Amino acid sequence: MASKRRTGETIEEWLHRIIVRNPGITVDELAEELGVRPNDLYEWGNINQPRRFPLSLLLPLMRATKNTNIIEHLAAQMGMVIFKIRKRSKSRLESAEDIQEYLQQSAKVLKSIIDTFKNRNKIDTRITLKELDQFMSTLAGLRDDIENLSDQLDLRLEE
């Protein structure tokens, strides 16, 4: 999900925060999970004299730490935002009620945006950003469902 980014930080600073200052996993545990030596992690996470971090370890690092801040930081540098796709056990487009639910959610978000611009209030802004992030995540999931539906239709046409 999108989150407030710290501006002006480098990838090295993000690596340091994720590797060395991560409260959820020790450096030794992380090293074992990634199949590297703890010293390598300390060197990659050293802000003063960082060693190049292997890109092949970026996804395993994010999975092991459950931290996507580096990829979010890179996206922000490109003027983009990344959202987690919410997965459900069933397709999101199984009935008219599902579509109605999306319409209601989008109306709620649009109303929240209008209220934020009318009131120009910090509390409204935080609420609106949270609702907008949730809605964008839902839309990303909906896009995923439509893409899967398109793939299914392609298979049917080939048969």
N, C-alpha and C. Protein backbone atom coordinates (compact mmCIF):
# COMPACT_ATOMS: atom_id res chain seq x y z
N MET A 1 0.84 -1.16 0.00
CA MET A 1 0.00 0.00 0.00
C MET A 1 0.89 1.23 0.00
N ALA A 2 0.40 2.27 -0.61
CA ALA A 2 1.18 3.49 -0.66
C ALA A 2 1.33 4.05 0.75
N SER A 3 2.48 4.64 1.01
CA SER A 3 2.71 5.23 2.32
C SER A 3 3.49 6.52 2.14
N LYS A 4 3.49 7.32 3.17
CA LYS A 4 4.22 8.58 3.10
C LYS A 4 5.70 8.29 2.98
N ARG A 5 6.35 8.86 1.98
CA ARG A 5 7.75 8.61 1.74
C ARG A 5 8.61 9.67 2.39
N ARG A 6 9.77 9.28 2.84
CA ARG A 6 10.74 10.24 3.34
C ARG A 6 11.52 10.73 2.13
N THR A 7 11.48 12.01 1.90
CA THR A 7 12.16 12.54 0.72
C THR A 7 13.64 12.74 1.00
N GLY A 8 14.43 12.69 -0.04
CA GLY A 8 15.85 12.95 0.06
C GLY A 8 16.67 11.77 0.55
N GLU A 9 16.03 10.65 0.82
CA GLU A 9 16.80 9.50 1.29
C GLU A 9 17.33 8.71 0.11
N THR A 10 18.46 8.07 0.35
CA THR A 10 19.09 7.27 -0.69
C THR A 10 18.71 5.81 -0.51
N ILE A 11 18.99 5.03 -1.53
CA ILE A 11 18.75 3.59 -1.43
C ILE A 11 19.62 3.00 -0.31
N GLU A 12 20.84 3.53 -0.17
CA GLU A 12 21.73 3.05 0.89
C GLU A 12 21.11 3.26 2.26
N GLU A 13 20.45 4.42 2.45
CA GLU A 13 19.80 4.69 3.73
C GLU A 13 18.62 3.74 3.97
N TRP A 14 17.88 3.45 2.90
CA TRP A 14 16.78 2.49 3.03
C TRP A 14 17.32 1.10 3.35
N LEU A 15 18.39 0.69 2.68
CA LEU A 15 18.99 -0.61 2.96
C LEU A 15 19.46 -0.69 4.41
N HIS A 16 20.09 0.37 4.88
CA HIS A 16 20.54 0.39 6.27
C HIS A 16 19.36 0.20 7.22
N ARG A 17 18.29 0.94 6.98
CA ARG A 17 17.11 0.86 7.85
C ARG A 17 16.49 -0.54 7.81
N ILE A 18 16.42 -1.13 6.62
CA ILE A 18 15.77 -2.44 6.47
C ILE A 18 16.66 -3.57 6.99
N ILE A 19 17.97 -3.48 6.74
CA ILE A 19 18.87 -4.56 7.13
C ILE A 19 19.31 -4.45 8.59
N VAL A 20 19.82 -3.31 8.97
CA VAL A 20 20.46 -3.16 10.27
C VAL A 20 19.48 -2.75 11.37
N ARG A 21 18.53 -1.91 11.05
CA ARG A 21 17.64 -1.38 12.08
C ARG A 21 16.24 -1.99 12.04
N ASN A 22 16.12 -3.16 11.48
CA ASN A 22 14.82 -3.80 11.34
C ASN A 22 14.45 -4.52 12.64
N PRO A 23 13.37 -4.09 13.30
CA PRO A 23 13.01 -4.73 14.57
C PRO A 23 12.39 -6.12 14.40
N GLY A 24 11.98 -6.46 13.19
CA GLY A 24 11.27 -7.72 12.97
C GLY A 24 12.15 -8.93 12.74
N ILE A 25 13.42 -8.71 12.39
CA ILE A 25 14.30 -9.83 12.07
C ILE A 25 15.75 -9.40 12.33
N THR A 26 16.53 -10.29 12.91
CA THR A 26 17.94 -9.96 13.18
C THR A 26 18.75 -10.11 11.89
N VAL A 27 19.93 -9.52 11.91
CA VAL A 27 20.82 -9.63 10.75
C VAL A 27 21.19 -11.08 10.50
N ASP A 28 21.44 -11.83 11.57
CA ASP A 28 21.79 -13.25 11.42
C ASP A 28 20.65 -14.04 10.80
N GLU A 29 19.43 -13.79 11.25
CA GLU A 29 18.25 -14.49 10.69
C GLU A 29 18.06 -14.11 9.23
N LEU A 30 18.23 -12.82 8.94
CA LEU A 30 18.07 -12.35 7.56
C LEU A 30 19.14 -12.95 6.66
N ALA A 31 20.37 -13.02 7.15
CA ALA A 31 21.46 -13.61 6.36
C ALA A 31 21.14 -15.07 6.04
N GLU A 32 20.66 -15.80 7.02
CA GLU A 32 20.31 -17.21 6.79
C GLU A 32 19.19 -17.32 5.76
N GLU A 33 18.19 -16.47 5.89
CA GLU A 33 17.05 -16.47 4.97
C GLU A 33 17.49 -16.18 3.53
N LEU A 34 18.45 -15.26 3.38
CA LEU A 34 18.91 -14.86 2.04
C LEU A 34 20.05 -15.74 1.52
N GLY A 35 20.63 -16.56 2.39
CA GLY A 35 21.75 -17.41 1.97
C GLY A 35 23.04 -16.65 1.79
N VAL A 36 23.26 -15.62 2.62
CA VAL A 36 24.49 -14.83 2.56
C VAL A 36 25.10 -14.77 3.96
N ARG A 37 26.29 -14.20 4.04
CA ARG A 37 26.95 -14.04 5.34
C ARG A 37 26.42 -12.78 6.03
N PRO A 38 26.30 -12.78 7.36
CA PRO A 38 25.90 -11.56 8.07
C PRO A 38 26.81 -10.37 7.75
N ASN A 39 28.13 -10.64 7.59
CA ASN A 39 29.06 -9.54 7.25
C ASN A 39 28.69 -8.87 5.93
N ASP A 40 28.21 -9.68 4.96
CA ASP A 40 27.77 -9.09 3.69
C ASP A 40 26.62 -8.12 3.94
N LEU A 41 25.67 -8.53 4.75
CA LEU A 41 24.53 -7.65 5.05
C LEU A 41 24.99 -6.36 5.72
N TYR A 42 25.89 -6.47 6.68
CA TYR A 42 26.41 -5.27 7.35
C TYR A 42 27.10 -4.34 6.35
N GLU A 43 27.84 -4.93 5.41
CA GLU A 43 28.52 -4.10 4.41
C GLU A 43 27.51 -3.43 3.47
N TRP A 44 26.47 -4.17 3.06
CA TRP A 44 25.46 -3.58 2.18
C TRP A 44 24.64 -2.53 2.91
N GLY A 45 24.50 -2.69 4.22
CA GLY A 45 23.72 -1.74 5.01
C GLY A 45 24.54 -0.63 5.63
N ASN A 46 25.83 -0.56 5.33
CA ASN A 46 26.72 0.46 5.88
C ASN A 46 26.51 1.77 5.10
N ILE A 47 25.99 2.78 5.77
CA ILE A 47 25.69 4.05 5.09
C ILE A 47 26.98 4.76 4.67
N ASN A 48 28.03 4.67 5.48
CA ASN A 48 29.27 5.41 5.22
C ASN A 48 30.09 4.83 4.08
N GLN A 49 30.15 3.51 3.98
CA GLN A 49 30.93 2.87 2.92
C GLN A 49 30.14 1.66 2.39
N PRO A 50 29.02 1.92 1.75
CA PRO A 50 28.20 0.79 1.29
C PRO A 50 28.83 0.04 0.12
N ARG A 51 28.61 -1.25 0.13
CA ARG A 51 28.95 -2.09 -1.02
C ARG A 51 27.71 -2.20 -1.87
N ARG A 52 27.86 -2.41 -3.15
CA ARG A 52 26.69 -2.56 -4.03
C ARG A 52 25.85 -3.75 -3.60
N PHE A 53 24.56 -3.51 -3.47
CA PHE A 53 23.64 -4.57 -3.08
C PHE A 53 23.21 -5.31 -4.34
N PRO A 54 23.29 -6.65 -4.35
CA PRO A 54 22.90 -7.41 -5.55
C PRO A 54 21.39 -7.32 -5.80
N LEU A 55 21.03 -6.88 -6.99
CA LEU A 55 19.60 -6.77 -7.34
C LEU A 55 18.88 -8.10 -7.23
N SER A 56 19.59 -9.20 -7.44
CA SER A 56 18.96 -10.52 -7.36
C SER A 56 18.44 -10.82 -5.95
N LEU A 57 18.93 -10.07 -4.95
CA LEU A 57 18.48 -10.28 -3.57
C LEU A 57 17.39 -9.31 -3.14
N LEU A 58 17.02 -8.37 -4.01
CA LEU A 58 16.06 -7.34 -3.61
C LEU A 58 14.69 -7.94 -3.27
N LEU A 59 14.14 -8.77 -4.15
CA LEU A 59 12.84 -9.39 -3.84
C LEU A 59 12.91 -10.32 -2.63
N PRO A 60 13.93 -11.19 -2.54
CA PRO A 60 14.03 -12.01 -1.32
C PRO A 60 14.15 -11.16 -0.05
N LEU A 61 14.88 -10.03 -0.12
CA LEU A 61 15.01 -9.14 1.04
C LEU A 61 13.64 -8.57 1.43
N MET A 62 12.89 -8.10 0.44
CA MET A 62 11.58 -7.53 0.73
C MET A 62 10.63 -8.58 1.29
N ARG A 63 10.71 -9.80 0.76
CA ARG A 63 9.85 -10.88 1.29
C ARG A 63 10.23 -11.24 2.72
N ALA A 64 11.52 -11.38 2.97
CA ALA A 64 12.00 -11.79 4.29
C ALA A 64 11.68 -10.75 5.36
N THR A 65 11.77 -9.48 4.99
CA THR A 65 11.54 -8.41 5.97
C THR A 65 10.12 -7.88 5.94
N LYS A 66 9.35 -8.33 4.92
CA LYS A 66 7.99 -7.81 4.71
C LYS A 66 8.01 -6.28 4.61
N ASN A 67 9.03 -5.78 3.93
CA ASN A 67 9.24 -4.34 3.81
C ASN A 67 9.45 -3.99 2.34
N THR A 68 8.56 -3.20 1.80
CA THR A 68 8.64 -2.80 0.39
C THR A 68 9.07 -1.35 0.21
N ASN A 69 9.63 -0.74 1.26
CA ASN A 69 9.99 0.68 1.19
C ASN A 69 10.97 1.00 0.09
N ILE A 70 11.91 0.10 -0.22
CA ILE A 70 12.89 0.40 -1.27
C ILE A 70 12.19 0.54 -2.62
N ILE A 71 11.33 -0.40 -2.95
CA ILE A 71 10.66 -0.35 -4.25
C ILE A 71 9.68 0.83 -4.31
N GLU A 72 9.07 1.15 -3.16
CA GLU A 72 8.20 2.32 -3.09
C GLU A 72 9.02 3.59 -3.29
N HIS A 73 10.22 3.63 -2.70
CA HIS A 73 11.12 4.77 -2.85
C HIS A 73 11.51 4.95 -4.33
N LEU A 74 11.89 3.84 -4.97
CA LEU A 74 12.26 3.91 -6.39
C LEU A 74 11.09 4.39 -7.24
N ALA A 75 9.90 3.87 -6.95
CA ALA A 75 8.71 4.29 -7.69
C ALA A 75 8.47 5.78 -7.50
N ALA A 76 8.60 6.26 -6.27
CA ALA A 76 8.39 7.68 -6.00
C ALA A 76 9.40 8.54 -6.76
N GLN A 77 10.64 8.05 -6.89
CA GLN A 77 11.66 8.78 -7.65
C GLN A 77 11.27 8.90 -9.12
N MET A 78 10.46 7.94 -9.59
CA MET A 78 10.00 7.94 -10.98
C MET A 78 8.63 8.62 -11.13
N GLY A 79 8.11 9.18 -10.03
CA GLY A 79 6.80 9.83 -10.08
C GLY A 79 5.66 8.83 -10.10
N MET A 80 5.89 7.64 -9.54
CA MET A 80 4.88 6.57 -9.54
C MET A 80 4.55 6.18 -8.10
N VAL A 81 3.47 5.44 -7.95
CA VAL A 81 3.07 4.90 -6.67
C VAL A 81 2.77 3.42 -6.86
N ILE A 82 3.13 2.61 -5.87
CA ILE A 82 2.89 1.17 -5.94
C ILE A 82 1.82 0.81 -4.92
N PHE A 83 0.90 -0.07 -5.33
CA PHE A 83 -0.15 -0.54 -4.44
C PHE A 83 -0.14 -2.05 -4.39
N LYS A 84 -0.38 -2.60 -3.22
CA LYS A 84 -0.49 -4.04 -3.05
C LYS A 84 -1.84 -4.48 -3.63
N ILE A 85 -1.82 -5.56 -4.40
CA ILE A 85 -3.05 -6.10 -4.97
C ILE A 85 -3.69 -6.99 -3.93
N ARG A 86 -4.88 -6.64 -3.52
CA ARG A 86 -5.61 -7.46 -2.56
C ARG A 86 -6.13 -8.70 -3.25
N LYS A 87 -5.82 -9.83 -2.70
CA LYS A 87 -6.28 -11.11 -3.26
C LYS A 87 -7.48 -11.60 -2.49
N ARG A 88 -8.45 -12.12 -3.21
CA ARG A 88 -9.60 -12.77 -2.60
C ARG A 88 -9.69 -14.16 -3.18
N SER A 89 -10.39 -15.03 -2.47
CA SER A 89 -10.48 -16.41 -2.93
C SER A 89 -11.32 -16.54 -4.19
N LYS A 90 -12.24 -15.61 -4.41
CA LYS A 90 -13.07 -15.66 -5.62
C LYS A 90 -12.79 -14.43 -6.48
N SER A 91 -13.19 -14.50 -7.71
CA SER A 91 -13.04 -13.36 -8.59
C SER A 91 -13.88 -12.22 -8.05
N ARG A 92 -13.42 -11.00 -8.23
CA ARG A 92 -14.16 -9.84 -7.75
C ARG A 92 -15.36 -9.50 -8.63
N LEU A 93 -15.46 -10.11 -9.78
CA LEU A 93 -16.51 -9.75 -10.72
C LEU A 93 -17.48 -10.90 -10.95
N GLU A 94 -17.97 -11.49 -9.89
CA GLU A 94 -18.84 -12.63 -10.04
C GLU A 94 -20.32 -12.26 -10.11
N SER A 95 -20.66 -11.02 -9.74
CA SER A 95 -22.08 -10.66 -9.76
C SER A 95 -22.26 -9.16 -9.88
N ALA A 96 -23.48 -8.77 -10.16
CA ALA A 96 -23.82 -7.34 -10.24
C ALA A 96 -23.61 -6.69 -8.88
N GLU A 97 -23.80 -7.46 -7.79
CA GLU A 97 -23.59 -6.91 -6.44
C GLU A 97 -22.14 -6.51 -6.23
N ASP A 98 -21.21 -7.32 -6.79
CA ASP A 98 -19.79 -6.98 -6.67
C ASP A 98 -19.50 -5.65 -7.36
N ILE A 99 -20.06 -5.46 -8.54
CA ILE A 99 -19.85 -4.21 -9.28
C ILE A 99 -20.47 -3.05 -8.51
N GLN A 100 -21.65 -3.28 -7.93
CA GLN A 100 -22.31 -2.25 -7.13
C GLN A 100 -21.44 -1.85 -5.94
N GLU A 101 -20.77 -2.82 -5.34
CA GLU A 101 -19.87 -2.56 -4.21
C GLU A 101 -18.73 -1.63 -4.64
N TYR A 102 -18.17 -1.85 -5.83
CA TYR A 102 -17.12 -0.98 -6.35
C TYR A 102 -17.64 0.43 -6.58
N LEU A 103 -18.84 0.54 -7.11
CA LEU A 103 -19.43 1.86 -7.35
C LEU A 103 -19.61 2.61 -6.04
N GLN A 104 -20.09 1.91 -5.00
CA GLN A 104 -20.27 2.55 -3.70
C GLN A 104 -18.94 2.99 -3.11
N GLN A 105 -17.93 2.14 -3.22
CA GLN A 105 -16.62 2.48 -2.69
C GLN A 105 -16.04 3.68 -3.43
N SER A 106 -16.18 3.72 -4.75
CA SER A 106 -15.65 4.85 -5.50
C SER A 106 -16.39 6.14 -5.16
N ALA A 107 -17.71 6.08 -4.94
CA ALA A 107 -18.48 7.26 -4.55
C ALA A 107 -18.01 7.78 -3.19
N LYS A 108 -17.73 6.86 -2.26
CA LYS A 108 -17.25 7.24 -0.93
C LYS A 108 -15.90 7.96 -1.03
N VAL A 109 -15.01 7.43 -1.85
CA VAL A 109 -13.69 8.04 -2.00
C VAL A 109 -13.81 9.41 -2.66
N LEU A 110 -14.63 9.53 -3.69
CA LEU A 110 -14.80 10.82 -4.36
C LEU A 110 -15.40 11.86 -3.41
N LYS A 111 -16.36 11.45 -2.59
CA LYS A 111 -16.95 12.36 -1.60
C LYS A 111 -15.89 12.80 -0.60
N SER A 112 -15.05 11.88 -0.17
CA SER A 112 -13.98 12.20 0.77
C SER A 112 -13.01 13.21 0.16
N ILE A 113 -12.69 13.04 -1.12
CA ILE A 113 -11.79 13.98 -1.81
C ILE A 113 -12.42 15.37 -1.86
N ILE A 114 -13.69 15.43 -2.21
CA ILE A 114 -14.41 16.72 -2.26
C ILE A 114 -14.40 17.38 -0.89
N ASP A 115 -14.71 16.60 0.17
CA ASP A 115 -14.72 17.14 1.53
C ASP A 115 -13.34 17.67 1.93
N THR A 116 -12.30 16.96 1.53
CA THR A 116 -10.94 17.38 1.86
C THR A 116 -10.63 18.73 1.24
N PHE A 117 -11.02 18.92 -0.03
CA PHE A 117 -10.74 20.19 -0.68
C PHE A 117 -11.62 21.31 -0.12
N LYS A 118 -12.83 20.98 0.28
CA LYS A 118 -13.71 22.00 0.89
C LYS A 118 -13.17 22.44 2.25
N ASN A 119 -12.80 21.48 3.09
CA ASN A 119 -12.44 21.78 4.48
C ASN A 119 -10.96 22.11 4.68
N ARG A 120 -10.11 21.58 3.80
CA ARG A 120 -8.66 21.78 3.91
C ARG A 120 -8.18 21.54 5.35
N ASN A 121 -8.48 20.34 5.80
CA ASN A 121 -8.24 19.95 7.19
C ASN A 121 -7.28 18.77 7.19
N LYS A 122 -6.26 18.78 8.09
CA LYS A 122 -5.27 17.70 8.14
C LYS A 122 -5.89 16.33 8.42
N ILE A 123 -6.89 16.29 9.30
CA ILE A 123 -7.55 15.02 9.62
C ILE A 123 -8.26 14.49 8.38
N ASP A 124 -8.98 15.36 7.67
CA ASP A 124 -9.65 14.94 6.44
C ASP A 124 -8.64 14.43 5.42
N THR A 125 -7.49 15.08 5.33
CA THR A 125 -6.46 14.68 4.38
C THR A 125 -5.96 13.28 4.68
N ARG A 126 -5.67 13.00 5.96
CA ARG A 126 -5.19 11.66 6.33
C ARG A 126 -6.24 10.60 6.03
N ILE A 127 -7.49 10.88 6.36
CA ILE A 127 -8.57 9.92 6.12
C ILE A 127 -8.72 9.70 4.62
N THR A 128 -8.70 10.77 3.86
CA THR A 128 -8.84 10.66 2.41
C THR A 128 -7.70 9.85 1.80
N LEU A 129 -6.47 10.10 2.24
CA LEU A 129 -5.34 9.34 1.72
C LEU A 129 -5.48 7.86 2.04
N LYS A 130 -5.92 7.53 3.24
CA LYS A 130 -6.12 6.13 3.62
C LYS A 130 -7.20 5.49 2.75
N GLU A 131 -8.33 6.19 2.58
CA GLU A 131 -9.42 5.66 1.75
C GLU A 131 -8.98 5.53 0.29
N LEU A 132 -8.24 6.51 -0.18
CA LEU A 132 -7.77 6.48 -1.57
C LEU A 132 -6.79 5.33 -1.78
N ASP A 133 -5.88 5.10 -0.84
CA ASP A 133 -4.95 3.98 -0.93
C ASP A 133 -5.69 2.65 -0.96
N GLN A 134 -6.70 2.50 -0.09
CA GLN A 134 -7.49 1.26 -0.07
C GLN A 134 -8.22 1.07 -1.39
N PHE A 135 -8.76 2.15 -1.92
CA PHE A 135 -9.49 2.07 -3.18
C PHE A 135 -8.55 1.73 -4.33
N MET A 136 -7.35 2.34 -4.36
CA MET A 136 -6.39 2.05 -5.42
C MET A 136 -5.94 0.59 -5.35
N SER A 137 -5.79 0.09 -4.14
CA SER A 137 -5.43 -1.32 -3.96
C SER A 137 -6.54 -2.22 -4.50
N THR A 138 -7.77 -1.85 -4.20
CA THR A 138 -8.92 -2.61 -4.71
C THR A 138 -8.97 -2.55 -6.23
N LEU A 139 -8.73 -1.37 -6.80
CA LEU A 139 -8.73 -1.23 -8.26
C LEU A 139 -7.61 -2.06 -8.89
N ALA A 140 -6.45 -2.11 -8.23
CA ALA A 140 -5.36 -2.93 -8.75
C ALA A 140 -5.78 -4.40 -8.79
N GLY A 141 -6.50 -4.84 -7.74
CA GLY A 141 -7.02 -6.21 -7.72
C GLY A 141 -8.05 -6.43 -8.80
N LEU A 142 -8.89 -5.44 -9.03
CA LEU A 142 -9.91 -5.52 -10.09
C LEU A 142 -9.24 -5.62 -11.46
N ARG A 143 -8.18 -4.84 -11.64
CA ARG A 143 -7.44 -4.90 -12.90
C ARG A 143 -6.85 -6.29 -13.10
N ASP A 144 -6.32 -6.86 -12.03
CA ASP A 144 -5.77 -8.21 -12.07
C ASP A 144 -6.85 -9.22 -12.47
N ASP A 145 -8.04 -9.08 -11.90
CA ASP A 145 -9.16 -9.98 -12.24
C ASP A 145 -9.53 -9.87 -13.72
N ILE A 146 -9.58 -8.64 -14.22
CA ILE A 146 -9.95 -8.44 -15.63
C ILE A 146 -8.88 -9.01 -16.55
N GLU A 147 -7.62 -8.84 -16.15
CA GLU A 147 -6.53 -9.42 -16.94
C GLU A 147 -6.64 -10.95 -16.96
N ASN A 148 -6.94 -11.55 -15.80
CA ASN A 148 -7.13 -13.00 -15.73
C ASN A 148 -8.32 -13.44 -16.57
N LEU A 149 -9.39 -12.66 -16.55
CA LEU A 149 -10.57 -12.96 -17.35
C LEU A 149 -10.21 -12.90 -18.83
N SER A 150 -9.41 -11.91 -19.21
CA SER A 150 -8.97 -11.79 -20.60
C SER A 150 -8.15 -13.01 -21.01
N ASP A 151 -7.25 -13.46 -20.12
CA ASP A 151 -6.46 -14.66 -20.41
C ASP A 151 -7.35 -15.88 -20.58
N GLN A 152 -8.39 -16.00 -19.74
CA GLN A 152 -9.32 -17.13 -19.84
C GLN A 152 -10.08 -17.08 -21.16
N LEU A 153 -10.48 -15.87 -21.57
CA LEU A 153 -11.20 -15.74 -22.85
C LEU A 153 -10.30 -16.10 -24.01
N ASP A 154 -9.00 -15.72 -23.94
CA ASP A 154 -8.05 -16.07 -24.99
C ASP A 154 -7.93 -17.59 -25.11
N LEU A 155 -7.89 -18.29 -23.96
CA LEU A 155 -7.79 -19.74 -23.99
C LEU A 155 -9.03 -20.37 -24.63
N ARG A 156 -10.18 -19.84 -24.31
CA ARG A 156 -11.42 -20.37 -24.88
C ARG A 156 -11.45 -20.18 -26.40
N LEU A 157 -10.98 -19.02 -26.85
CA LEU A 157 -10.98 -18.75 -28.28
C LEU A 157 -10.01 -19.66 -29.03
N GLU A 158 -8.92 -20.03 -28.38
CA GLU A 158 -7.93 -20.91 -29.01
C GLU A 158 -8.41 -22.35 -29.12
N GLU A 159 -9.36 -22.74 -28.26
CA GLU A 159 -9.82 -24.15 -28.26
C GLU A 159 -10.63 -24.49 -29.45
